[in-house]
N, C-alpha and C. Protein backbone atom coordinates (compact mmCIF):
# COMPACT_ATOMS: atom_id res chain seq x y z
N UNK A 1 1.05 -1.20 -0.11
CA UNK A 1 0.13 -0.08 0.26
C UNK A 1 1.28 1.41 0.06
N UNK A 2 0.65 2.13 -0.98
CA UNK A 2 1.33 3.33 -0.79
C UNK A 2 1.14 3.93 -0.15
N UNK A 3 2.08 5.34 0.47
CA UNK A 3 1.49 6.16 1.26
C UNK A 3 1.71 7.81 0.60
N UNK A 4 1.16 8.55 1.07
CA UNK A 4 0.94 10.00 0.56
C UNK A 4 2.94 10.52 0.95
N UNK A 5 3.37 11.17 0.32
CA UNK A 5 4.63 11.55 0.47
C UNK A 5 4.95 13.06 0.13
N UNK A 6 3.58 13.98 0.61
CA UNK A 6 3.62 15.26 0.08
C UNK A 6 3.68 15.86 1.40
N UNK A 7 3.78 17.31 1.16
CA UNK A 7 2.95 18.02 2.81
C UNK A 7 2.09 17.62 3.53
N UNK A 8 2.66 17.18 4.59
CA UNK A 8 1.35 16.16 5.05
C UNK A 8 0.63 17.84 5.97
N UNK A 9 1.26 19.10 6.42
CA UNK A 9 0.46 19.88 7.16
C UNK A 9 -0.45 20.78 6.51
N UNK A 10 -0.39 20.20 4.25
CA UNK A 10 -1.78 20.77 4.21
C UNK A 10 -2.82 20.18 4.05
N UNK A 11 -2.70 18.84 4.32
CA UNK A 11 -3.67 18.09 4.38
C UNK A 11 -4.24 17.81 5.31
N UNK A 12 -3.20 18.17 6.56
CA UNK A 12 -4.28 18.44 7.96
C UNK A 12 -4.86 19.51 8.14
N UNK A 13 -4.45 20.90 7.83
CA UNK A 13 -5.65 22.07 7.37
C UNK A 13 -6.52 21.40 7.10
N UNK A 14 -6.48 20.70 6.04
CA UNK A 14 -7.60 20.86 5.21
C UNK A 14 -8.73 19.70 5.88
N UNK A 15 -8.18 18.62 5.85
CA UNK A 15 -9.01 17.66 6.28
C UNK A 15 -9.34 17.51 7.68
N UNK A 16 -8.73 18.41 8.49
CA UNK A 16 -8.48 17.55 9.81
C UNK A 16 -7.71 16.87 10.77
N UNK A 17 -7.52 16.91 11.71
CA UNK A 17 -6.77 15.99 12.49
C UNK A 17 -6.79 14.47 11.82
N UNK A 18 -5.66 14.03 11.25
CA UNK A 18 -5.33 12.72 11.31
C UNK A 18 -4.38 12.51 11.58
N UNK A 19 -4.58 11.59 13.10
CA UNK A 19 -3.42 10.99 13.93
C UNK A 19 -1.94 10.46 13.30
N UNK A 20 -2.78 9.11 12.41
CA UNK A 20 -1.64 8.91 11.32
C UNK A 20 -0.52 9.07 10.62
N UNK A 21 -1.30 10.80 10.32
CA UNK A 21 -0.10 11.24 9.24
C UNK A 21 1.20 11.94 9.63
N UNK A 22 0.83 13.01 11.11
CA UNK A 22 1.81 13.42 11.70
C UNK A 22 1.38 13.70 13.42
N UNK A 23 2.40 14.06 13.81
CA UNK A 23 2.19 14.80 15.55
C UNK A 23 1.76 16.34 15.12
N UNK A 24 1.71 17.03 13.80
CA UNK A 24 2.24 18.25 14.09
C UNK A 24 0.53 19.07 13.88
N UNK A 25 0.73 20.23 14.14
CA UNK A 25 -0.79 20.80 14.61
C UNK A 25 -0.83 22.25 14.02
N UNK A 26 -1.68 22.37 13.07
CA UNK A 26 -1.46 23.75 11.94
C UNK A 26 -1.47 24.76 12.90
N UNK A 27 -0.87 26.43 12.86
CA UNK A 27 -0.72 27.38 13.84
C UNK A 27 -2.30 27.92 13.25
N UNK A 28 -2.97 28.43 14.50
CA UNK A 28 -4.16 28.79 14.60
C UNK A 28 -3.79 30.86 14.43
N UNK A 29 -4.27 31.24 13.48
CA UNK A 29 -4.15 32.53 12.88
C UNK A 29 -2.62 33.26 11.77
N UNK A 30 -1.95 31.63 11.29
CA UNK A 30 -1.45 32.24 10.55
C UNK A 30 -1.33 33.32 9.08
N UNK A 31 -0.70 33.40 8.47
CA UNK A 31 -1.27 33.93 7.61
C UNK A 31 -1.22 33.19 6.24
N UNK A 32 -2.64 32.95 6.53
CA UNK A 32 -3.51 32.08 5.26
C UNK A 32 -4.21 32.73 4.81
N UNK A 33 -4.28 32.90 3.38
CA UNK A 33 -6.26 33.21 2.78
C UNK A 33 -6.79 32.16 3.27
N UNK A 34 -8.42 32.76 3.88
CA UNK A 34 -9.34 32.66 4.17
C UNK A 34 -10.22 32.07 2.88
N UNK A 35 -10.49 30.98 2.96
CA UNK A 35 -11.78 30.35 2.11
C UNK A 35 -12.78 30.86 2.60
N UNK A 36 -13.78 31.20 1.80
CA UNK A 36 -15.31 31.32 1.95
C UNK A 36 -16.11 30.60 1.68
N UNK A 37 -16.64 29.42 2.34
CA UNK A 37 -17.61 28.51 1.52
C UNK A 37 -19.01 28.59 2.77
N UNK A 38 -19.76 27.77 1.31
CA UNK A 38 -21.28 28.45 2.04
C UNK A 38 -21.65 27.18 3.57
N UNK A 39 -22.79 27.39 4.48
CA UNK A 39 -22.25 26.84 5.53
C UNK A 39 -23.20 25.49 5.65
N UNK A 40 -23.90 25.29 3.92
CA UNK A 40 -24.22 23.68 3.84
C UNK A 40 -23.58 23.28 3.18
N UNK A 41 -23.06 21.75 3.50
CA UNK A 41 -22.05 21.38 2.84
C UNK A 41 -22.69 19.97 2.16
N UNK A 42 -22.64 20.37 1.03
CA UNK A 42 -23.24 18.75 -0.06
C UNK A 42 -22.81 17.47 0.91
N UNK A 43 -23.59 16.49 0.02
CA UNK A 43 -23.50 15.25 0.28
C UNK A 43 -22.28 14.84 -0.10
N UNK A 44 -22.18 15.05 -1.44
CA UNK A 44 -20.79 14.38 -1.93
C UNK A 44 -19.51 15.35 -1.77
N UNK A 45 -19.30 16.42 -0.78
CA UNK A 45 -18.83 16.25 -0.70
C UNK A 45 -17.92 16.47 0.40
N UNK A 46 -18.99 16.18 0.80
CA UNK A 46 -18.79 15.11 2.64
C UNK A 46 -18.35 13.66 2.62
N UNK A 47 -18.95 12.88 1.63
CA UNK A 47 -18.26 11.50 1.14
C UNK A 47 -16.42 12.26 0.83
N UNK A 48 -16.39 12.73 -0.32
CA UNK A 48 -15.26 12.98 -0.56
C UNK A 48 -14.27 13.40 0.83
N UNK A 49 -14.36 14.19 1.82
CA UNK A 49 -13.68 14.73 2.33
C UNK A 49 -13.48 13.22 3.33
N UNK A 50 -14.00 12.72 3.20
CA UNK A 50 -14.01 11.26 4.31
C UNK A 50 -13.55 9.84 3.84
N UNK A 51 -13.48 9.73 2.07
CA UNK A 51 -13.22 9.17 1.51
C UNK A 51 -10.80 9.59 1.52
N UNK A 52 -11.30 10.99 1.43
CA UNK A 52 -9.88 11.60 1.39
C UNK A 52 -8.86 11.26 2.90
N UNK A 53 -9.74 11.23 3.91
CA UNK A 53 -9.51 10.99 5.24
C UNK A 53 -8.86 9.48 5.38
N UNK A 54 -9.48 8.62 4.78
CA UNK A 54 -9.00 7.31 5.06
C UNK A 54 -8.12 7.06 4.00
N UNK A 55 -7.76 7.76 2.79
CA UNK A 55 -6.93 7.58 1.90
C UNK A 55 -5.42 7.89 2.80
N UNK A 56 -5.97 9.02 3.39
CA UNK A 56 -4.12 9.32 3.81
C UNK A 56 -3.67 8.98 5.39
N UNK A 57 -5.03 8.79 6.11
CA UNK A 57 -4.81 7.84 7.02
C UNK A 57 -4.16 6.56 7.27
N UNK A 58 -4.67 5.63 6.45
CA UNK A 58 -4.48 4.15 5.90
C UNK A 58 -3.15 4.14 4.98
N UNK A 59 -3.34 5.04 3.87
CA UNK A 59 -2.34 5.11 3.07
C UNK A 59 -2.76 4.36 1.85
N UNK A 60 -3.94 4.42 1.61
CA UNK A 60 -4.56 3.73 0.72
C UNK A 60 -4.32 4.52 -0.72
N UNK A 61 -4.54 3.53 -1.86
CA UNK A 61 -4.51 4.59 -3.57
C UNK A 61 -6.57 4.17 -3.96
N UNK A 62 -6.88 4.89 -4.61
CA UNK A 62 -8.34 4.72 -4.79
C UNK A 62 -8.54 3.72 -5.68
N UNK A 63 -7.79 3.21 -6.02
CA UNK A 63 -8.13 1.60 -6.29
C UNK A 63 -8.29 0.39 -5.67
N UNK A 64 -7.65 0.55 -4.71
CA UNK A 64 -7.52 -0.24 -3.11
C UNK A 64 -9.02 0.09 -2.85
N UNK A 65 -9.44 1.16 -2.66
CA UNK A 65 -10.80 2.03 -2.13
C UNK A 65 -11.64 1.16 -2.85
N UNK A 66 -11.91 1.01 -4.03
CA UNK A 66 -12.57 0.57 -5.02
C UNK A 66 -13.36 -0.95 -4.49
N UNK A 67 -12.13 -1.65 -4.41
CA UNK A 67 -12.41 -2.62 -4.04
C UNK A 67 -12.58 -2.73 -2.56
N UNK A 68 -13.97 -2.29 -1.87
CA UNK A 68 -14.22 -2.29 -0.59
C UNK A 68 -14.76 -3.81 0.03
N UNK A 69 -14.80 -4.99 -0.59
CA UNK A 69 -15.82 -6.10 0.57
C UNK A 69 -14.42 -6.76 1.92
N UNK A 70 -13.39 -6.17 1.43
CA UNK A 70 -12.49 -6.60 2.80
C UNK A 70 -11.44 -6.18 3.40
N UNK A 71 -11.71 -4.34 2.73
CA UNK A 71 -11.32 -3.13 3.24
C UNK A 71 -11.49 -3.09 4.87
N UNK A 72 -12.31 -3.22 5.34
CA UNK A 72 -11.90 -2.65 6.48
C UNK A 72 -11.22 -4.06 7.79
N UNK A 73 -11.36 -5.40 7.34
CA UNK A 73 -10.81 -6.09 7.67
C UNK A 73 -9.04 -5.96 7.71
N UNK A 74 -8.52 -5.94 6.23
CA UNK A 74 -7.53 -5.28 6.08
C UNK A 74 -7.11 -4.40 6.63
N UNK A 75 -7.34 -3.18 6.82
CA UNK A 75 -6.85 -1.90 7.25
C UNK A 75 -6.57 -2.10 8.96
N UNK A 76 -8.15 -2.93 9.66
CA UNK A 76 -7.50 -2.65 11.01
C UNK A 76 -6.59 -4.13 11.69
N UNK A 77 -6.18 -4.81 10.63
CA UNK A 77 -5.28 -5.65 10.73
C UNK A 77 -3.92 -5.40 10.36
N UNK A 78 -3.74 -4.16 10.16
CA UNK A 78 -2.61 -4.08 9.59
C UNK A 78 -1.65 -3.25 11.06
N UNK A 79 -0.34 -3.65 10.89
CA UNK A 79 -0.02 -3.22 12.08
C UNK A 79 0.40 -1.93 12.71
N UNK A 80 0.22 -1.44 11.67
CA UNK A 80 0.53 0.48 12.58
C UNK A 80 -0.74 0.45 13.09
N UNK A 81 -1.98 -0.17 12.97
CA UNK A 81 -3.18 -0.05 13.45
C UNK A 81 -3.39 -0.44 14.90
N UNK A 82 -2.50 -1.52 14.80
CA UNK A 82 -2.30 -2.17 16.01
C UNK A 82 -0.89 -1.36 16.94
N UNK A 83 0.20 -2.04 16.63
CA UNK A 83 1.37 -1.66 17.25
C UNK A 83 2.21 -1.70 16.22
N UNK A 84 3.43 -1.19 16.65
CA UNK A 84 4.49 -0.77 15.47
C UNK A 84 5.49 -1.34 16.71
N UNK A 85 5.72 -2.81 16.81
CA UNK A 85 6.25 -3.10 17.98
C UNK A 85 6.84 -4.74 16.80
N UNK A 86 7.37 -5.17 18.17
CA UNK A 86 7.90 -6.34 17.91
C UNK A 86 6.73 -7.93 17.70
N UNK A 87 7.10 -8.59 16.21
CA UNK A 87 5.78 -9.56 16.00
C UNK A 87 6.71 -11.11 16.10
N UNK A 88 5.85 -11.60 16.93
CA UNK A 88 6.46 -13.11 16.74
C UNK A 88 8.09 -13.28 17.14
N UNK A 89 8.33 -12.19 18.13
CA UNK A 89 9.52 -12.56 18.44
C UNK A 89 10.56 -11.64 17.32
N UNK A 90 10.25 -10.74 16.55
CA UNK A 90 11.00 -10.36 15.56
C UNK A 90 10.45 -8.74 15.56
N UNK A 91 11.34 -7.99 15.18
CA UNK A 91 11.21 -6.52 15.25
C UNK A 91 10.88 -6.07 13.34
N UNK A 92 9.41 -5.49 13.79
CA UNK A 92 9.10 -5.55 12.42
C UNK A 92 8.80 -4.08 12.42
N UNK A 93 9.54 -3.31 10.32
CA UNK A 93 9.50 -2.04 10.33
C UNK A 93 8.55 -1.80 9.18
N UNK A 94 7.76 -2.66 9.04
CA UNK A 94 6.71 -2.09 8.01
C UNK A 94 5.55 -1.61 8.22
N UNK A 95 5.20 -0.13 8.07
CA UNK A 95 4.00 0.04 9.00
C UNK A 95 2.45 -0.91 8.21
N UNK A 96 2.68 -1.07 6.73
CA UNK A 96 1.73 -2.35 6.15
C UNK A 96 1.79 -3.78 6.27
N UNK A 97 2.31 -3.85 7.83
CA UNK A 97 2.72 -5.37 7.92
C UNK A 97 1.01 -5.70 8.55
N UNK A 98 1.15 -6.92 7.44
CA UNK A 98 -0.68 -7.60 8.07
C UNK A 98 -0.04 -8.40 9.14
N UNK A 99 -0.81 -8.24 10.20
CA UNK A 99 -0.81 -9.67 11.40
C UNK A 99 -2.49 -10.34 10.89
N UNK A 100 -1.73 -11.86 11.70
CA UNK A 100 -2.73 -12.85 11.63
C UNK A 100 -3.16 -13.26 12.77
N UNK A 101 -4.38 -13.88 13.04
CA UNK A 101 -4.95 -14.13 13.87
C UNK A 101 -3.89 -14.43 15.13
N UNK A 102 -3.41 -15.42 14.92
CA UNK A 102 -2.21 -16.14 16.39
C UNK A 102 -1.25 -15.71 16.35
N UNK A 103 -0.86 -13.95 16.14
CA UNK A 103 0.29 -13.72 16.07
C UNK A 103 0.81 -13.23 17.54
N UNK A 104 1.94 -13.43 18.46
CA UNK A 104 2.41 -12.96 19.86
C UNK A 104 3.27 -11.75 19.19
N UNK A 105 1.72 -9.99 19.59
CA UNK A 105 2.60 -9.07 19.32
C UNK A 105 3.19 -8.45 20.74
N UNK A 106 4.67 -8.18 20.92
CA UNK A 106 4.46 -7.51 22.49
C UNK A 106 5.77 -6.41 21.96
N UNK A 107 6.17 -5.56 23.02
CA UNK A 107 6.71 -4.15 23.21
C UNK A 107 7.78 -4.37 23.72
N UNK A 108 9.15 -3.38 23.45
CA UNK A 108 10.64 -3.66 23.97
C UNK A 108 10.14 -3.37 25.67
N UNK A 109 11.14 -3.32 26.32
CA UNK A 109 10.77 -3.60 28.04
C UNK A 109 11.40 -2.49 28.74
N UNK A 110 11.56 -1.16 27.75
CA UNK A 110 11.93 0.25 28.14
C UNK A 110 10.48 0.62 28.99
N UNK A 111 10.84 1.92 29.69
CA UNK A 111 9.96 3.01 29.80
C UNK A 111 9.34 3.76 28.93
N UNK A 112 9.58 3.99 27.97
CA UNK A 112 9.14 4.94 27.17
C UNK A 112 8.38 3.96 26.74
N UNK A 113 8.55 2.44 25.65
CA UNK A 113 7.50 2.14 25.46
C UNK A 113 6.05 1.43 25.93
N UNK A 114 6.61 1.32 27.34
CA UNK A 114 5.09 1.02 28.16
C UNK A 114 4.52 2.03 28.45
N UNK A 115 5.07 3.05 28.14
CA UNK A 115 4.30 4.43 28.52
C UNK A 115 3.19 5.12 27.49
N UNK A 116 3.98 4.56 25.65
CA UNK A 116 3.04 4.96 24.96
C UNK A 116 2.31 3.71 24.60
N UNK A 117 2.27 2.80 25.26
CA UNK A 117 1.44 1.27 24.95
C UNK A 117 0.09 1.85 26.01
N UNK A 118 0.57 2.30 27.24
CA UNK A 118 -0.50 2.92 28.07
C UNK A 118 -1.26 4.25 27.64
N UNK A 119 -0.65 5.16 26.76
CA UNK A 119 -1.19 6.14 26.92
C UNK A 119 -2.05 5.55 25.69
N UNK A 120 -1.84 4.57 24.83
CA UNK A 120 -2.53 4.54 23.26
C UNK A 120 -3.81 3.37 24.22
N UNK A 121 -3.34 2.82 24.93
CA UNK A 121 -4.92 1.64 25.67
C UNK A 121 -5.48 2.61 26.13
N UNK A 122 -5.54 3.74 26.77
CA UNK A 122 -6.49 4.75 27.53
C UNK A 122 -7.18 5.28 26.87
N UNK A 123 -6.79 5.58 25.68
CA UNK A 123 -7.88 6.62 24.52
C UNK A 123 -8.59 5.34 23.82
């Protein structure tokens, strides 16, 4: 699965918070041109924005979104959705790694990793 490699902050400004894309937040009150949109959002615009959020958050392409039969299952089984650590005793650094139902996922034993996991579980 490909991922978006362009300017991330532009996407965050346009689509709202995307936790998988970056930790940065746009500055409020920066010198940007204000776009005036009508108060009413059309259904097409709402669906398009939600589709783009899915694309950028999960790193999908248009073609992968068209085949939506097992899309949700594949997305939720990806390692970057579950945990980005050790799988079956091996370090995995591929975000799109697909976990299987019987995979054993562990974290490192240092304090920073434990705090990250605890914070993620509380959300």
